[in-house]
Amino acid sequence: MINLIRKRRSIRSYTGEPIDQETVELLVESLLRSPSSRNINPWEFVVVDDRELLTQLSTSKQHGSSFLKDAALGVVICADSTKTDVWVEDCSIAAILLQMTAQSLGLGSCWIQIRNRQQNREKSSEQFIQELLGLPEQMKVNCIVSIGHPAENRRPLAASQLQYDKVNHNRYQACWQK
């Protein structure tokens, strides 16, 4: 697992090659196996492979979502906010498991933040997606994960580039010794 974590990088450039159905099913399985607080499973997912919808979703934010139009898949990760107050955390866990599964299958992925972002001056990214996909009001959108065959090769960070100064030992400002 640590080797997957070492290799995983955000990929924003895709070849356009489709993802076979068996691989999509593995990605979906990873979502459905995601843990959640008290096993409530408030999350729900919209797997989008329709080119027109991906293009529309790529405009869900003013910045940082345009590359979605070239991905093979966009997975909208949302949750019924009436079921639990920790839906954001539950969705975030599902998103990272999806990204790690994609990495293990040789695919690239990138998290697209939706919660608390704007599509334009009048409409939030969440409202735009709710309308586009027919989501009810209580279904809150955390993020979209783009997935596809990478058209870029991003090198893993070297261990020397890791921010060990952000790690404390036993107490805050007690530096971690590697």
N, C-alpha and C. Protein backbone atom coordinates (compact mmCIF):
# COMPACT_ATOMS: atom_id res chain seq x y z
N MET A 1 0.82 -1.20 0.00
CA MET A 1 0.00 0.00 0.00
C MET A 1 0.86 1.27 0.00
N ILE A 2 1.95 1.25 0.75
CA ILE A 2 2.78 2.46 0.80
C ILE A 2 3.33 2.82 -0.57
N ASN A 3 3.59 1.82 -1.42
CA ASN A 3 4.09 2.12 -2.77
C ASN A 3 3.03 2.82 -3.61
N LEU A 4 1.75 2.43 -3.44
CA LEU A 4 0.66 3.14 -4.13
C LEU A 4 0.59 4.59 -3.67
N ILE A 5 0.71 4.78 -2.37
CA ILE A 5 0.65 6.14 -1.81
C ILE A 5 1.82 6.97 -2.33
N ARG A 6 2.98 6.35 -2.41
CA ARG A 6 4.16 7.06 -2.92
C ARG A 6 3.99 7.48 -4.37
N LYS A 7 3.35 6.66 -5.17
CA LYS A 7 3.20 6.93 -6.60
C LYS A 7 2.03 7.84 -6.94
N ARG A 8 1.01 7.89 -6.09
CA ARG A 8 -0.21 8.63 -6.43
C ARG A 8 0.06 10.13 -6.52
N ARG A 9 -0.33 10.69 -7.64
CA ARG A 9 -0.25 12.13 -7.88
C ARG A 9 -1.54 12.56 -8.54
N SER A 10 -1.89 13.80 -8.41
CA SER A 10 -3.08 14.31 -9.09
C SER A 10 -2.81 14.39 -10.59
N ILE A 11 -3.67 13.75 -11.36
CA ILE A 11 -3.54 13.72 -12.82
C ILE A 11 -4.68 14.54 -13.41
N ARG A 12 -4.30 15.52 -14.22
CA ARG A 12 -5.28 16.42 -14.84
C ARG A 12 -5.26 16.36 -16.37
N SER A 13 -4.56 15.39 -16.91
CA SER A 13 -4.48 15.24 -18.35
C SER A 13 -4.69 13.76 -18.69
N TYR A 14 -5.68 13.51 -19.56
CA TYR A 14 -6.07 12.13 -19.86
C TYR A 14 -6.02 11.86 -21.36
N THR A 15 -5.85 10.59 -21.71
CA THR A 15 -5.73 10.19 -23.12
C THR A 15 -7.07 10.17 -23.84
N GLY A 16 -8.16 10.09 -23.12
CA GLY A 16 -9.48 9.98 -23.74
C GLY A 16 -9.91 8.53 -23.95
N GLU A 17 -9.00 7.59 -23.72
CA GLU A 17 -9.33 6.17 -23.85
C GLU A 17 -10.38 5.78 -22.81
N PRO A 18 -11.41 5.06 -23.23
CA PRO A 18 -12.44 4.65 -22.26
C PRO A 18 -11.90 3.63 -21.26
N ILE A 19 -12.62 3.49 -20.17
CA ILE A 19 -12.29 2.50 -19.13
C ILE A 19 -13.25 1.34 -19.29
N ASP A 20 -12.71 0.13 -19.33
CA ASP A 20 -13.56 -1.04 -19.54
C ASP A 20 -14.51 -1.25 -18.36
N GLN A 21 -15.62 -1.93 -18.63
CA GLN A 21 -16.69 -2.11 -17.65
C GLN A 21 -16.22 -2.84 -16.40
N GLU A 22 -15.37 -3.83 -16.54
CA GLU A 22 -14.86 -4.58 -15.38
C GLU A 22 -14.09 -3.66 -14.43
N THR A 23 -13.31 -2.76 -15.00
CA THR A 23 -12.55 -1.81 -14.18
C THR A 23 -13.49 -0.82 -13.50
N VAL A 24 -14.51 -0.36 -14.22
CA VAL A 24 -15.50 0.55 -13.62
C VAL A 24 -16.18 -0.14 -12.44
N GLU A 25 -16.50 -1.41 -12.60
CA GLU A 25 -17.14 -2.15 -11.52
C GLU A 25 -16.23 -2.28 -10.30
N LEU A 26 -14.93 -2.43 -10.51
CA LEU A 26 -13.99 -2.46 -9.38
C LEU A 26 -13.95 -1.10 -8.67
N LEU A 27 -13.98 -0.03 -9.45
CA LEU A 27 -13.99 1.30 -8.86
C LEU A 27 -15.26 1.51 -8.03
N VAL A 28 -16.39 1.08 -8.56
CA VAL A 28 -17.66 1.19 -7.82
C VAL A 28 -17.60 0.35 -6.55
N GLU A 29 -17.05 -0.84 -6.63
CA GLU A 29 -16.93 -1.68 -5.45
C GLU A 29 -16.11 -0.99 -4.36
N SER A 30 -15.03 -0.32 -4.76
CA SER A 30 -14.22 0.39 -3.76
C SER A 30 -15.03 1.46 -3.04
N LEU A 31 -15.91 2.13 -3.77
CA LEU A 31 -16.78 3.14 -3.16
C LEU A 31 -17.73 2.50 -2.15
N LEU A 32 -18.34 1.40 -2.55
CA LEU A 32 -19.34 0.76 -1.70
C LEU A 32 -18.74 0.05 -0.50
N ARG A 33 -17.42 -0.19 -0.51
CA ARG A 33 -16.73 -0.78 0.64
C ARG A 33 -16.15 0.28 1.57
N SER A 34 -16.37 1.52 1.24
CA SER A 34 -15.83 2.62 2.03
C SER A 34 -16.46 2.65 3.42
N PRO A 35 -15.65 2.80 4.46
CA PRO A 35 -16.22 2.90 5.80
C PRO A 35 -16.92 4.25 6.00
N SER A 36 -17.83 4.26 6.95
CA SER A 36 -18.48 5.52 7.32
C SER A 36 -18.77 5.48 8.81
N SER A 37 -18.93 6.66 9.37
CA SER A 37 -19.21 6.77 10.80
C SER A 37 -20.47 6.00 11.16
N ARG A 38 -20.36 5.16 12.14
CA ARG A 38 -21.46 4.34 12.66
C ARG A 38 -22.11 3.48 11.57
N ASN A 39 -21.38 3.27 10.47
CA ASN A 39 -21.85 2.45 9.35
C ASN A 39 -23.20 2.94 8.79
N ILE A 40 -23.39 4.24 8.83
CA ILE A 40 -24.63 4.84 8.32
C ILE A 40 -24.63 4.88 6.79
N ASN A 41 -23.46 5.00 6.20
CA ASN A 41 -23.32 5.04 4.74
C ASN A 41 -24.22 6.10 4.09
N PRO A 42 -24.03 7.36 4.46
CA PRO A 42 -24.88 8.41 3.89
C PRO A 42 -24.52 8.76 2.45
N TRP A 43 -23.34 8.29 2.02
CA TRP A 43 -22.85 8.64 0.69
C TRP A 43 -23.65 7.97 -0.41
N GLU A 44 -23.67 8.67 -1.53
CA GLU A 44 -24.20 8.13 -2.78
C GLU A 44 -23.30 8.64 -3.88
N PHE A 45 -23.30 7.97 -5.01
CA PHE A 45 -22.34 8.26 -6.07
C PHE A 45 -23.04 8.32 -7.42
N VAL A 46 -22.61 9.25 -8.24
CA VAL A 46 -23.08 9.32 -9.61
C VAL A 46 -21.85 9.12 -10.49
N VAL A 47 -21.81 7.98 -11.17
CA VAL A 47 -20.69 7.66 -12.07
C VAL A 47 -21.07 8.17 -13.46
N VAL A 48 -20.29 9.11 -13.93
CA VAL A 48 -20.61 9.78 -15.20
C VAL A 48 -19.56 9.40 -16.24
N ASP A 49 -20.03 8.82 -17.36
CA ASP A 49 -19.14 8.55 -18.49
C ASP A 49 -19.67 9.17 -19.78
N ASP A 50 -20.80 9.81 -19.71
CA ASP A 50 -21.39 10.50 -20.86
C ASP A 50 -20.55 11.75 -21.16
N ARG A 51 -20.03 11.84 -22.39
CA ARG A 51 -19.12 12.94 -22.77
C ARG A 51 -19.75 14.31 -22.58
N GLU A 52 -21.03 14.44 -22.96
CA GLU A 52 -21.70 15.74 -22.83
C GLU A 52 -21.84 16.14 -21.36
N LEU A 53 -22.21 15.18 -20.52
CA LEU A 53 -22.32 15.47 -19.08
C LEU A 53 -20.97 15.81 -18.47
N LEU A 54 -19.92 15.08 -18.87
CA LEU A 54 -18.58 15.39 -18.37
C LEU A 54 -18.17 16.81 -18.76
N THR A 55 -18.51 17.20 -19.98
CA THR A 55 -18.20 18.55 -20.43
C THR A 55 -18.95 19.58 -19.59
N GLN A 56 -20.22 19.32 -19.31
CA GLN A 56 -21.00 20.25 -18.48
C GLN A 56 -20.45 20.28 -17.05
N LEU A 57 -20.13 19.11 -16.50
CA LEU A 57 -19.56 19.07 -15.15
C LEU A 57 -18.22 19.79 -15.07
N SER A 58 -17.50 19.82 -16.18
CA SER A 58 -16.19 20.48 -16.19
C SER A 58 -16.31 21.99 -16.00
N THR A 59 -17.53 22.51 -16.06
CA THR A 59 -17.76 23.94 -15.83
C THR A 59 -18.38 24.19 -14.45
N SER A 60 -18.33 23.20 -13.58
CA SER A 60 -18.99 23.33 -12.28
C SER A 60 -18.30 24.30 -11.33
N LYS A 61 -17.07 24.65 -11.65
CA LYS A 61 -16.33 25.63 -10.85
C LYS A 61 -15.70 26.66 -11.78
N GLN A 62 -15.40 27.82 -11.21
CA GLN A 62 -14.77 28.86 -12.01
C GLN A 62 -13.34 28.46 -12.40
N HIS A 63 -12.67 27.72 -11.54
CA HIS A 63 -11.30 27.28 -11.78
C HIS A 63 -11.13 25.86 -11.23
N GLY A 64 -10.34 25.06 -11.91
CA GLY A 64 -9.94 23.78 -11.35
C GLY A 64 -10.84 22.60 -11.66
N SER A 65 -11.66 22.70 -12.69
CA SER A 65 -12.50 21.54 -13.05
C SER A 65 -12.52 21.29 -14.55
N SER A 66 -11.89 22.14 -15.34
CA SER A 66 -12.00 22.04 -16.80
C SER A 66 -11.44 20.74 -17.36
N PHE A 67 -10.45 20.15 -16.70
CA PHE A 67 -9.84 18.91 -17.19
C PHE A 67 -10.80 17.73 -17.14
N LEU A 68 -11.90 17.85 -16.41
CA LEU A 68 -12.87 16.77 -16.30
C LEU A 68 -13.45 16.39 -17.67
N LYS A 69 -13.52 17.33 -18.58
CA LYS A 69 -14.10 17.06 -19.90
C LYS A 69 -13.31 16.00 -20.67
N ASP A 70 -12.04 15.82 -20.35
CA ASP A 70 -11.20 14.85 -21.05
C ASP A 70 -11.05 13.53 -20.30
N ALA A 71 -11.61 13.44 -19.10
CA ALA A 71 -11.51 12.20 -18.31
C ALA A 71 -12.48 11.15 -18.87
N ALA A 72 -12.17 9.91 -18.61
CA ALA A 72 -13.08 8.82 -19.01
C ALA A 72 -14.28 8.75 -18.08
N LEU A 73 -14.05 9.09 -16.82
CA LEU A 73 -15.12 9.05 -15.80
C LEU A 73 -15.03 10.27 -14.90
N GLY A 74 -16.17 10.68 -14.41
CA GLY A 74 -16.25 11.62 -13.32
C GLY A 74 -17.17 10.99 -12.29
N VAL A 75 -16.70 10.87 -11.07
CA VAL A 75 -17.53 10.28 -10.02
C VAL A 75 -17.92 11.40 -9.06
N VAL A 76 -19.21 11.72 -9.06
CA VAL A 76 -19.74 12.74 -8.15
C VAL A 76 -20.01 12.06 -6.82
N ILE A 77 -19.36 12.57 -5.78
CA ILE A 77 -19.46 11.97 -4.46
C ILE A 77 -20.30 12.90 -3.59
N CYS A 78 -21.46 12.39 -3.20
CA CYS A 78 -22.42 13.19 -2.45
C CYS A 78 -22.99 12.37 -1.30
N ALA A 79 -23.78 13.03 -0.47
CA ALA A 79 -24.37 12.33 0.68
C ALA A 79 -25.66 12.99 1.09
N ASP A 80 -26.51 12.19 1.70
CA ASP A 80 -27.75 12.69 2.28
C ASP A 80 -27.38 13.33 3.62
N SER A 81 -27.40 14.65 3.65
CA SER A 81 -26.96 15.39 4.84
C SER A 81 -27.92 15.26 6.01
N THR A 82 -29.11 14.70 5.80
CA THR A 82 -30.05 14.53 6.91
C THR A 82 -29.75 13.26 7.71
N LYS A 83 -28.86 12.41 7.20
CA LYS A 83 -28.57 11.14 7.88
C LYS A 83 -27.49 11.25 8.94
N THR A 84 -26.56 12.20 8.77
CA THR A 84 -25.44 12.33 9.70
C THR A 84 -24.79 13.69 9.56
N ASP A 85 -24.16 14.14 10.62
CA ASP A 85 -23.45 15.42 10.58
C ASP A 85 -22.01 15.26 10.11
N VAL A 86 -21.57 14.03 9.86
CA VAL A 86 -20.19 13.80 9.41
C VAL A 86 -20.16 13.29 7.96
N TRP A 87 -21.12 13.70 7.17
CA TRP A 87 -21.19 13.27 5.78
C TRP A 87 -19.96 13.71 4.99
N VAL A 88 -19.40 14.87 5.32
CA VAL A 88 -18.21 15.36 4.61
C VAL A 88 -17.05 14.38 4.79
N GLU A 89 -16.85 13.97 6.03
CA GLU A 89 -15.77 13.03 6.32
C GLU A 89 -16.02 11.69 5.63
N ASP A 90 -17.25 11.21 5.70
CA ASP A 90 -17.58 9.93 5.07
C ASP A 90 -17.34 9.98 3.55
N CYS A 91 -17.74 11.08 2.93
CA CYS A 91 -17.50 11.24 1.49
C CYS A 91 -16.01 11.34 1.18
N SER A 92 -15.28 12.02 2.02
CA SER A 92 -13.84 12.18 1.80
C SER A 92 -13.11 10.84 1.87
N ILE A 93 -13.51 10.00 2.78
CA ILE A 93 -12.92 8.67 2.88
C ILE A 93 -13.21 7.89 1.60
N ALA A 94 -14.44 7.93 1.14
CA ALA A 94 -14.80 7.22 -0.10
C ALA A 94 -13.99 7.75 -1.28
N ALA A 95 -13.80 9.06 -1.35
CA ALA A 95 -13.07 9.66 -2.46
C ALA A 95 -11.61 9.19 -2.49
N ILE A 96 -10.96 9.16 -1.35
CA ILE A 96 -9.55 8.76 -1.36
C ILE A 96 -9.42 7.27 -1.63
N LEU A 97 -10.36 6.47 -1.15
CA LEU A 97 -10.31 5.04 -1.49
C LEU A 97 -10.50 4.84 -2.99
N LEU A 98 -11.37 5.62 -3.59
CA LEU A 98 -11.57 5.56 -5.04
C LEU A 98 -10.27 5.93 -5.76
N GLN A 99 -9.62 6.99 -5.31
CA GLN A 99 -8.38 7.42 -5.94
C GLN A 99 -7.27 6.37 -5.79
N MET A 100 -7.18 5.75 -4.64
CA MET A 100 -6.15 4.72 -4.43
C MET A 100 -6.46 3.47 -5.28
N THR A 101 -7.73 3.13 -5.42
CA THR A 101 -8.10 2.01 -6.27
C THR A 101 -7.76 2.32 -7.72
N ALA A 102 -8.07 3.53 -8.16
CA ALA A 102 -7.71 3.93 -9.53
C ALA A 102 -6.20 3.82 -9.73
N GLN A 103 -5.43 4.28 -8.78
CA GLN A 103 -3.97 4.19 -8.87
C GLN A 103 -3.52 2.73 -8.98
N SER A 104 -4.14 1.86 -8.19
CA SER A 104 -3.76 0.44 -8.21
C SER A 104 -4.08 -0.22 -9.54
N LEU A 105 -5.01 0.36 -10.29
CA LEU A 105 -5.42 -0.18 -11.59
C LEU A 105 -4.71 0.51 -12.76
N GLY A 106 -3.73 1.36 -12.43
CA GLY A 106 -2.96 2.03 -13.47
C GLY A 106 -3.64 3.26 -14.06
N LEU A 107 -4.65 3.77 -13.36
CA LEU A 107 -5.39 4.95 -13.82
C LEU A 107 -4.95 6.18 -13.04
N GLY A 108 -5.18 7.33 -13.63
CA GLY A 108 -4.94 8.58 -12.94
C GLY A 108 -6.24 9.15 -12.42
N SER A 109 -6.12 10.02 -11.41
CA SER A 109 -7.32 10.64 -10.84
C SER A 109 -6.97 12.00 -10.26
N CYS A 110 -8.00 12.79 -10.04
CA CYS A 110 -7.82 14.08 -9.39
C CYS A 110 -9.11 14.46 -8.66
N TRP A 111 -8.96 14.94 -7.44
CA TRP A 111 -10.06 15.43 -6.61
C TRP A 111 -10.44 16.82 -7.11
N ILE A 112 -11.72 17.03 -7.33
CA ILE A 112 -12.24 18.35 -7.69
C ILE A 112 -13.16 18.79 -6.55
N GLN A 113 -12.72 19.76 -5.78
CA GLN A 113 -13.49 20.25 -4.65
C GLN A 113 -14.76 20.94 -5.14
N ILE A 114 -15.90 20.56 -4.59
CA ILE A 114 -17.18 21.18 -4.95
C ILE A 114 -17.79 21.91 -3.75
N ARG A 115 -17.76 21.28 -2.59
CA ARG A 115 -18.36 21.88 -1.40
C ARG A 115 -17.74 23.25 -1.13
N ASN A 116 -18.58 24.23 -0.92
CA ASN A 116 -18.17 25.61 -0.62
C ASN A 116 -17.46 26.30 -1.78
N ARG A 117 -17.76 25.89 -3.02
CA ARG A 117 -17.19 26.54 -4.20
C ARG A 117 -18.33 27.13 -5.03
N GLN A 118 -17.98 28.07 -5.90
CA GLN A 118 -18.96 28.75 -6.74
C GLN A 118 -18.80 28.35 -8.20
N GLN A 119 -19.94 28.16 -8.87
CA GLN A 119 -19.94 27.93 -10.31
C GLN A 119 -19.86 29.28 -11.02
N ASN A 120 -20.59 30.23 -10.49
CA ASN A 120 -20.53 31.61 -10.97
C ASN A 120 -20.98 32.51 -9.82
N ARG A 121 -21.18 33.79 -10.07
CA ARG A 121 -21.54 34.72 -8.98
C ARG A 121 -22.89 34.41 -8.35
N GLU A 122 -23.78 33.84 -9.12
CA GLU A 122 -25.14 33.60 -8.64
C GLU A 122 -25.38 32.19 -8.12
N LYS A 123 -24.56 31.25 -8.53
CA LYS A 123 -24.86 29.84 -8.24
C LYS A 123 -23.64 29.12 -7.69
N SER A 124 -23.88 28.32 -6.64
CA SER A 124 -22.79 27.51 -6.09
C SER A 124 -22.52 26.32 -7.02
N SER A 125 -21.34 25.76 -6.90
CA SER A 125 -21.01 24.56 -7.67
C SER A 125 -21.98 23.44 -7.33
N GLU A 126 -22.32 23.33 -6.05
CA GLU A 126 -23.25 22.29 -5.61
C GLU A 126 -24.62 22.46 -6.25
N GLN A 127 -25.15 23.68 -6.26
CA GLN A 127 -26.45 23.92 -6.89
C GLN A 127 -26.43 23.57 -8.37
N PHE A 128 -25.36 23.95 -9.05
CA PHE A 128 -25.22 23.64 -10.46
C PHE A 128 -25.28 22.13 -10.69
N ILE A 129 -24.56 21.37 -9.89
CA ILE A 129 -24.52 19.91 -10.04
C ILE A 129 -25.85 19.29 -9.63
N GLN A 130 -26.45 19.79 -8.55
CA GLN A 130 -27.77 19.27 -8.14
C GLN A 130 -28.77 19.41 -9.29
N GLU A 131 -28.80 20.57 -9.92
CA GLU A 131 -29.72 20.80 -11.03
C GLU A 131 -29.38 19.93 -12.24
N LEU A 132 -28.10 19.87 -12.58
CA LEU A 132 -27.66 19.11 -13.75
C LEU A 132 -27.97 17.63 -13.62
N LEU A 133 -27.76 17.06 -12.44
CA LEU A 133 -27.92 15.62 -12.24
C LEU A 133 -29.24 15.23 -11.57
N GLY A 134 -30.07 16.21 -11.23
CA GLY A 134 -31.36 15.91 -10.61
C GLY A 134 -31.26 15.45 -9.17
N LEU A 135 -30.27 15.96 -8.44
CA LEU A 135 -30.10 15.59 -7.04
C LEU A 135 -31.07 16.37 -6.16
N PRO A 136 -31.69 15.73 -5.17
CA PRO A 136 -32.55 16.46 -4.25
C PRO A 136 -31.73 17.39 -3.35
N GLU A 137 -32.38 18.37 -2.77
CA GLU A 137 -31.71 19.41 -1.98
C GLU A 137 -30.87 18.85 -0.84
N GLN A 138 -31.36 17.80 -0.17
CA GLN A 138 -30.60 17.25 0.97
C GLN A 138 -29.37 16.46 0.54
N MET A 139 -29.26 16.17 -0.76
CA MET A 139 -28.10 15.44 -1.29
C MET A 139 -26.99 16.45 -1.56
N LYS A 140 -26.05 16.53 -0.63
CA LYS A 140 -24.97 17.51 -0.70
C LYS A 140 -23.78 16.93 -1.46
N VAL A 141 -23.15 17.76 -2.28
CA VAL A 141 -22.03 17.32 -3.11
C VAL A 141 -20.72 17.73 -2.46
N ASN A 142 -19.90 16.74 -2.18
CA ASN A 142 -18.59 16.99 -1.58
C ASN A 142 -17.54 17.28 -2.65
N CYS A 143 -17.46 16.39 -3.65
CA CYS A 143 -16.42 16.52 -4.65
C CYS A 143 -16.77 15.70 -5.88
N ILE A 144 -15.97 15.88 -6.91
CA ILE A 144 -15.99 15.01 -8.08
C ILE A 144 -14.58 14.46 -8.19
N VAL A 145 -14.45 13.18 -8.49
CA VAL A 145 -13.14 12.60 -8.76
C VAL A 145 -13.09 12.28 -10.26
N SER A 146 -12.14 12.90 -10.94
CA SER A 146 -11.92 12.57 -12.35
C SER A 146 -11.03 11.34 -12.41
N ILE A 147 -11.32 10.46 -13.37
CA ILE A 147 -10.54 9.23 -13.52
C ILE A 147 -10.34 8.98 -15.01
N GLY A 148 -9.14 8.55 -15.36
CA GLY A 148 -8.86 8.22 -16.74
C GLY A 148 -7.47 7.66 -16.91
N HIS A 149 -7.17 7.30 -18.15
CA HIS A 149 -5.82 6.85 -18.48
C HIS A 149 -4.94 8.10 -18.56
N PRO A 150 -3.87 8.14 -17.77
CA PRO A 150 -3.05 9.36 -17.71
C PRO A 150 -2.36 9.68 -19.02
N ALA A 151 -2.39 10.95 -19.38
CA ALA A 151 -1.65 11.46 -20.54
C ALA A 151 -0.43 12.23 -20.06
N GLU A 152 -0.16 12.17 -18.78
CA GLU A 152 1.02 12.80 -18.20
C GLU A 152 1.64 11.83 -17.20
N ASN A 153 2.93 11.96 -17.03
CA ASN A 153 3.65 11.10 -16.10
C ASN A 153 4.26 11.98 -15.02
N ARG A 154 3.60 12.02 -13.88
CA ARG A 154 4.09 12.85 -12.78
C ARG A 154 4.92 11.98 -11.85
N ARG A 155 6.11 12.42 -11.59
CA ARG A 155 7.01 11.67 -10.73
C ARG A 155 6.57 11.79 -9.28
N PRO A 156 6.76 10.71 -8.52
CA PRO A 156 6.47 10.78 -7.09
C PRO A 156 7.41 11.79 -6.41
N LEU A 157 6.93 12.35 -5.32
CA LEU A 157 7.80 13.23 -4.54
C LEU A 157 8.91 12.40 -3.90
N ALA A 158 10.09 12.92 -3.89
CA ALA A 158 11.20 12.26 -3.20
C ALA A 158 10.97 12.39 -1.70
N ALA A 159 11.42 11.42 -0.94
CA ALA A 159 11.27 11.45 0.51
C ALA A 159 11.86 12.74 1.09
N SER A 160 12.91 13.24 0.48
CA SER A 160 13.55 14.47 0.97
C SER A 160 12.65 15.71 0.78
N GLN A 161 11.61 15.59 -0.07
CA GLN A 161 10.69 16.71 -0.31
C GLN A 161 9.49 16.70 0.64
N LEU A 162 9.34 15.64 1.40
CA LEU A 162 8.20 15.55 2.32
C LEU A 162 8.35 16.56 3.45
N GLN A 163 7.25 17.07 3.91
CA GLN A 163 7.25 18.14 4.92
C GLN A 163 7.26 17.58 6.34
N TYR A 164 8.37 17.02 6.72
CA TYR A 164 8.48 16.44 8.06
C TYR A 164 8.33 17.48 9.15
N ASP A 165 8.51 18.76 8.82
CA ASP A 165 8.31 19.81 9.82
C ASP A 165 6.84 19.96 10.21
N LYS A 166 5.95 19.31 9.49
CA LYS A 166 4.52 19.33 9.82
C LYS A 166 4.14 18.20 10.77
N VAL A 167 5.11 17.37 11.14
CA VAL A 167 4.86 16.23 12.02
C VAL A 167 5.47 16.52 13.38
N ASN A 168 4.64 16.41 14.40
CA ASN A 168 5.08 16.64 15.78
C ASN A 168 5.08 15.32 16.53
N HIS A 169 5.90 15.25 17.56
CA HIS A 169 6.03 14.01 18.33
C HIS A 169 5.58 14.26 19.77
N ASN A 170 4.49 13.63 20.12
CA ASN A 170 3.89 13.71 21.46
C ASN A 170 3.27 15.06 21.79
N ARG A 171 3.88 16.14 21.44
CA ARG A 171 3.35 17.46 21.71
C ARG A 171 3.58 18.36 20.50
N TYR A 172 2.73 19.40 20.39
CA TYR A 172 2.90 20.34 19.30
C TYR A 172 4.25 21.04 19.43
N GLN A 173 4.88 21.23 18.31
CA GLN A 173 6.21 21.87 18.17
C GLN A 173 7.33 21.03 18.78
N ALA A 174 7.08 19.75 18.92
CA ALA A 174 8.12 18.80 19.29
C ALA A 174 8.43 18.03 18.01
N CYS A 175 9.48 18.42 17.33
CA CYS A 175 9.77 17.90 15.98
C CYS A 175 9.90 16.39 15.92
N TRP A 176 9.32 15.87 14.86
CA TRP A 176 9.44 14.45 14.56
C TRP A 176 10.85 14.20 14.05
N GLN A 177 11.47 13.19 14.58
CA GLN A 177 12.81 12.82 14.12
C GLN A 177 12.70 11.60 13.22
N LYS A 178 13.17 11.77 12.00
CA LYS A 178 13.11 10.68 11.03
C LYS A 178 14.21 9.68 11.30
